[in-house]
Amino acid sequence: MKSVIGNTLSLAAKKPVFKSASQRVVVTKAASKDGFPGIGTSGSCAPLGPWDPLNISSNRDAEGMKLFREAELTHGRVAMVASVGFIVGENFNPFFDGEIKGPAIGHFQQLPTQFWVVVLAAVGIAEFARLTTGWVSPAEGKGFWKLQDDYVPGSIGWDPLGLKPTDAAELETMQLRELNNGRLAMFAIAGEIVQELVTGKELFNLEDDGLLNDANCVGGICDILESSG
């Protein structure tokens, strides 16, 4: 009798479990040598490989990890523009008759209302284009926070300079560079904001720091910076 029960349990353990396509398979430990569900090893690089020290990917399925990657890319792109914009805006500001001055964290408060209307409209248009490109419309009745099955996070179809490689290996390398630069930029812009909040001063004032001189200028760039205020 014990032998029969043992064999039955053994067969039950080996019996395959079939799940419908609509079921979402939750992975309890997403980080492995094979990467993460939905995104694989994309974004992983030596020497850390698939790195998730806080185990954020735990209990996340493929769709959940794609949402994380979409958010990471979007925030990284904004951070790259912002971190450079802080420095440029503090040293080169030809708009608004040179009235926008001081640390970059205070520039927004000095902008006229009309400018904010234009900025918010541009952001709204950009976000609408991104949502209609990769996201499933709630009107389809499939719920919220869902990406299209064939959508690759970050691929919103905007490449005005034609920089996207056609070779798969080169594309993967460029995607990794974008991710790593975006990750660095998120730390950078956070550091820039904290520094200006603590010191109350600009990050780099080329003129005050004595860097705005003829020896360091090429092609009359100092004259442009000085005239911009």
Protein backbone atom coordinates (compact mmCIF):
# COMPACT_ATOMS: atom_id res chain seq x y z
CA MET A 1 0.00 0.00 0.00
CA LYS A 2 2.82 2.40 0.92
CA SER A 3 4.46 1.65 -2.44
CA VAL A 4 1.28 2.51 -4.35
CA ILE A 5 0.80 5.77 -2.45
CA GLY A 6 4.45 6.69 -3.02
CA ASN A 7 4.24 6.05 -6.77
CA THR A 8 1.00 8.05 -7.00
CA LEU A 9 2.54 11.04 -5.25
CA SER A 10 5.62 10.79 -7.45
CA LEU A 11 3.53 10.84 -10.63
CA ALA A 12 1.47 13.75 -9.36
CA ALA A 13 4.61 15.75 -8.69
CA LYS A 14 5.81 15.15 -12.25
CA LYS A 15 2.48 15.89 -13.86
CA PRO A 16 2.72 19.06 -15.99
CA VAL A 17 0.51 21.98 -15.04
CA PHE A 18 -1.17 23.73 -17.98
CA LYS A 19 -2.21 27.36 -17.65
CA SER A 20 -4.30 29.43 -19.99
CA ALA A 21 -2.72 32.29 -21.91
CA SER A 22 -4.78 34.77 -19.94
CA GLN A 23 -3.23 33.73 -16.63
CA ARG A 24 -0.35 35.84 -15.37
CA VAL A 25 2.54 33.73 -14.16
CA VAL A 26 4.18 35.33 -11.15
CA VAL A 27 7.89 34.74 -10.73
CA THR A 28 8.92 34.69 -7.09
CA LYS A 29 12.59 35.29 -7.78
CA ALA A 30 12.98 37.27 -10.98
CA ALA A 31 16.67 38.09 -10.78
CA SER A 32 18.72 35.18 -12.13
CA LYS A 33 21.52 34.49 -14.57
CA ASP A 34 18.90 34.62 -17.33
CA GLY A 35 17.83 38.12 -16.32
CA PHE A 36 14.32 39.26 -15.56
CA PRO A 37 10.98 38.15 -17.00
CA GLY A 38 9.87 40.25 -19.94
CA ILE A 39 13.18 42.09 -20.38
CA GLY A 40 15.78 39.33 -20.03
CA THR A 41 19.33 40.57 -19.44
CA SER A 42 18.66 43.88 -21.20
CA GLY A 43 20.14 46.64 -19.08
CA SER A 44 22.44 44.25 -17.21
CA CYS A 45 26.18 44.71 -17.50
CA ALA A 46 29.39 43.40 -15.95
CA PRO A 47 30.45 42.92 -13.27
CA LEU A 48 27.03 42.91 -11.54
CA GLY A 49 24.88 41.25 -14.18
CA PRO A 50 21.13 41.19 -13.38
CA TRP A 51 21.40 43.36 -10.26
CA ASP A 52 18.46 43.73 -7.87
CA PRO A 53 19.80 44.07 -4.30
CA LEU A 54 16.45 45.21 -2.91
CA ASN A 55 14.62 42.35 -4.67
CA ILE A 56 12.19 44.79 -6.26
CA SER A 57 11.64 42.38 -9.14
CA SER A 58 10.42 39.68 -6.77
CA ASN A 59 6.86 38.55 -7.49
CA ARG A 60 6.78 40.56 -10.72
CA ASP A 61 5.65 39.01 -13.97
CA ALA A 62 6.86 39.90 -17.46
CA GLU A 63 4.33 42.71 -17.85
CA GLY A 64 5.28 44.20 -14.50
CA MET A 65 8.97 44.22 -15.39
CA LYS A 66 8.24 45.87 -18.75
CA LEU A 67 6.38 48.62 -16.88
CA PHE A 68 9.40 49.10 -14.62
CA ARG A 69 11.69 49.35 -17.65
CA GLU A 70 9.37 51.85 -19.35
CA ALA A 71 9.42 54.00 -16.21
CA GLU A 72 13.20 53.69 -15.87
CA LEU A 73 13.80 54.78 -19.47
CA THR A 74 11.36 57.69 -19.27
CA HIS A 75 12.79 59.02 -16.02
CA GLY A 76 16.34 58.49 -17.28
CA ARG A 77 15.69 60.49 -20.43
CA VAL A 78 14.14 63.36 -18.49
CA ALA A 79 17.03 63.28 -16.01
CA MET A 80 19.64 63.46 -18.78
CA VAL A 81 18.03 66.59 -20.21
CA ALA A 82 17.51 68.11 -16.75
CA SER A 83 21.05 67.51 -15.46
CA VAL A 84 22.55 69.23 -18.50
CA GLY A 85 19.85 71.90 -18.53
CA PHE A 86 20.71 72.99 -14.99
CA ILE A 87 24.28 73.84 -15.97
CA VAL A 88 23.46 75.35 -19.36
CA GLY A 89 20.55 77.40 -18.04
CA GLU A 90 22.71 78.97 -15.33
CA ASN A 91 25.38 80.08 -17.81
CA PHE A 92 23.58 80.61 -21.11
CA ASN A 93 20.16 82.22 -20.97
CA PRO A 94 19.36 84.42 -23.98
CA PHE A 95 15.59 84.41 -23.34
CA PHE A 96 13.38 86.75 -21.30
CA ASP A 97 15.87 89.64 -21.62
CA GLY A 98 18.30 87.91 -19.28
CA GLU A 99 15.98 88.33 -16.29
CA ILE A 100 16.09 84.63 -15.32
CA LYS A 101 19.10 84.39 -13.03
CA GLY A 102 20.49 82.59 -10.01
CA PRO A 103 20.39 78.86 -9.12
CA ALA A 104 18.44 76.71 -11.56
CA ILE A 105 16.07 75.49 -8.83
CA GLY A 106 14.64 79.02 -8.78
CA HIS A 107 14.32 79.52 -12.53
CA PHE A 108 10.84 78.04 -12.81
CA GLN A 109 9.44 80.53 -10.32
CA GLN A 110 10.79 83.41 -12.42
CA LEU A 111 9.17 82.30 -15.66
CA PRO A 112 6.08 84.12 -16.96
CA THR A 113 2.72 82.35 -16.94
CA GLN A 114 2.56 82.24 -20.75
CA PHE A 115 5.68 80.11 -20.83
CA TRP A 116 4.13 77.56 -18.48
CA VAL A 117 1.10 77.23 -20.74
CA VAL A 118 3.36 76.38 -23.68
CA VAL A 119 5.43 73.92 -21.62
CA LEU A 120 2.40 72.10 -20.21
CA ALA A 121 0.85 71.85 -23.67
CA ALA A 122 4.07 70.38 -25.10
CA VAL A 123 4.32 67.86 -22.24
CA GLY A 124 0.69 66.88 -22.73
CA ILE A 125 1.18 66.27 -26.44
CA ALA A 126 4.36 64.24 -25.84
CA GLU A 127 2.71 62.10 -23.16
CA PHE A 128 -0.38 61.50 -25.30
CA ALA A 129 1.83 60.32 -28.18
CA ARG A 130 3.72 57.97 -25.83
CA LEU A 131 0.54 56.55 -24.33
CA THR A 132 -1.11 55.90 -27.69
CA THR A 133 2.06 54.24 -28.99
CA GLY A 134 2.80 51.64 -26.34
CA TRP A 135 -0.08 51.45 -23.89
CA VAL A 136 -3.35 49.55 -24.05
CA SER A 137 -6.33 51.88 -24.00
CA PRO A 138 -8.56 51.42 -20.91
CA ALA A 139 -11.50 51.65 -23.33
CA GLU A 140 -10.63 48.14 -24.53
CA GLY A 141 -11.73 46.79 -21.18
CA LYS A 142 -8.41 45.12 -20.34
CA GLY A 143 -7.75 47.25 -17.29
CA PHE A 144 -5.19 49.94 -16.53
CA TRP A 145 -1.38 50.06 -16.62
CA LYS A 146 -0.98 47.61 -19.47
CA LEU A 147 1.51 47.78 -22.32
CA GLN A 148 0.94 46.46 -25.82
CA ASP A 149 2.23 42.89 -26.21
CA ASP A 150 4.54 43.83 -29.09
CA TYR A 151 5.72 47.10 -27.54
CA VAL A 152 9.38 47.40 -26.61
CA PRO A 153 9.80 49.75 -23.61
CA GLY A 154 11.13 53.12 -24.72
CA SER A 155 10.49 52.55 -28.44
CA ILE A 156 8.08 55.39 -29.09
CA GLY A 157 9.11 55.74 -32.75
CA TRP A 158 10.88 59.10 -32.38
CA ASP A 159 14.32 59.16 -33.97
CA PRO A 160 14.64 62.45 -35.90
CA LEU A 161 18.42 62.07 -36.36
CA GLY A 162 18.23 58.45 -37.52
CA LEU A 163 20.57 57.22 -34.76
CA LYS A 164 18.84 53.89 -34.14
CA PRO A 165 21.08 51.05 -35.44
CA THR A 166 19.62 48.43 -37.74
CA ASP A 167 21.99 45.75 -36.44
CA ALA A 168 20.58 43.90 -33.44
CA ALA A 169 23.90 43.76 -31.56
CA GLU A 170 24.58 47.46 -32.09
CA LEU A 171 21.02 48.30 -30.99
CA GLU A 172 21.45 46.32 -27.78
CA THR A 173 24.70 48.18 -27.07
CA MET A 174 23.04 51.56 -27.63
CA GLN A 175 20.09 50.61 -25.41
CA LEU A 176 22.49 49.62 -22.63
CA ARG A 177 24.32 52.93 -22.97
CA GLU A 178 21.07 54.85 -22.77
CA LEU A 179 20.00 52.96 -19.65
CA ASN A 180 23.33 53.45 -17.88
CA ASN A 181 23.54 57.13 -18.79
CA GLY A 182 19.95 57.60 -17.67
CA ARG A 183 20.66 55.88 -14.36
CA LEU A 184 23.69 58.11 -13.79
CA ALA A 185 21.69 61.20 -14.76
CA MET A 186 18.98 60.41 -12.20
CA PHE A 187 21.61 60.46 -9.46
CA ALA A 188 23.20 63.56 -11.01
CA ILE A 189 20.06 65.70 -11.12
CA ALA A 190 19.17 64.65 -7.56
CA GLY A 191 22.65 65.72 -6.44
CA GLU A 192 22.41 69.01 -8.30
CA ILE A 193 19.09 69.88 -6.67
CA VAL A 194 20.35 68.99 -3.18
CA GLN A 195 23.56 70.99 -3.68
CA GLU A 196 21.67 74.11 -4.70
CA LEU A 197 19.16 73.71 -1.85
CA VAL A 198 22.00 73.43 0.67
CA THR A 199 24.34 76.10 -0.72
CA GLY A 200 21.81 78.46 -2.30
CA LYS A 201 24.31 79.00 -5.11
CA GLU A 202 24.63 78.03 -8.77
CA LEU A 203 26.35 74.76 -9.61
CA PHE A 204 28.91 76.26 -11.98
CA ASN A 205 29.09 79.96 -12.69
CA LEU A 206 31.73 80.14 -15.38
CA GLU A 207 32.22 83.86 -14.97
CA ASP A 208 32.38 83.92 -11.16
CA ASP A 209 34.64 80.85 -11.10
CA GLY A 210 37.11 82.56 -13.42
CA LEU A 211 36.63 80.04 -16.20
CA LEU A 212 35.08 82.51 -18.61
CA ASN A 213 38.26 83.91 -20.15
CA ASP A 214 39.85 84.08 -23.56
CA ALA A 215 42.26 81.23 -22.82
CA ASN A 216 39.37 78.81 -22.28
CA CYS A 217 37.15 80.02 -25.12
CA VAL A 218 36.84 78.75 -28.66
CA GLY A 219 35.25 80.64 -31.52
CA GLY A 220 33.97 83.55 -29.44
CA ILE A 221 31.82 81.39 -27.17
CA CYS A 222 32.72 83.59 -24.18
CA ASP A 223 31.21 86.62 -25.91
CA ILE A 224 27.98 84.67 -26.45
CA LEU A 225 27.85 83.54 -22.81
CA GLU A 226 28.60 87.02 -21.49
CA SER A 227 25.93 88.64 -23.65
CA SER A 228 23.35 86.07 -22.52
CA GLY A 229 23.63 87.17 -18.91
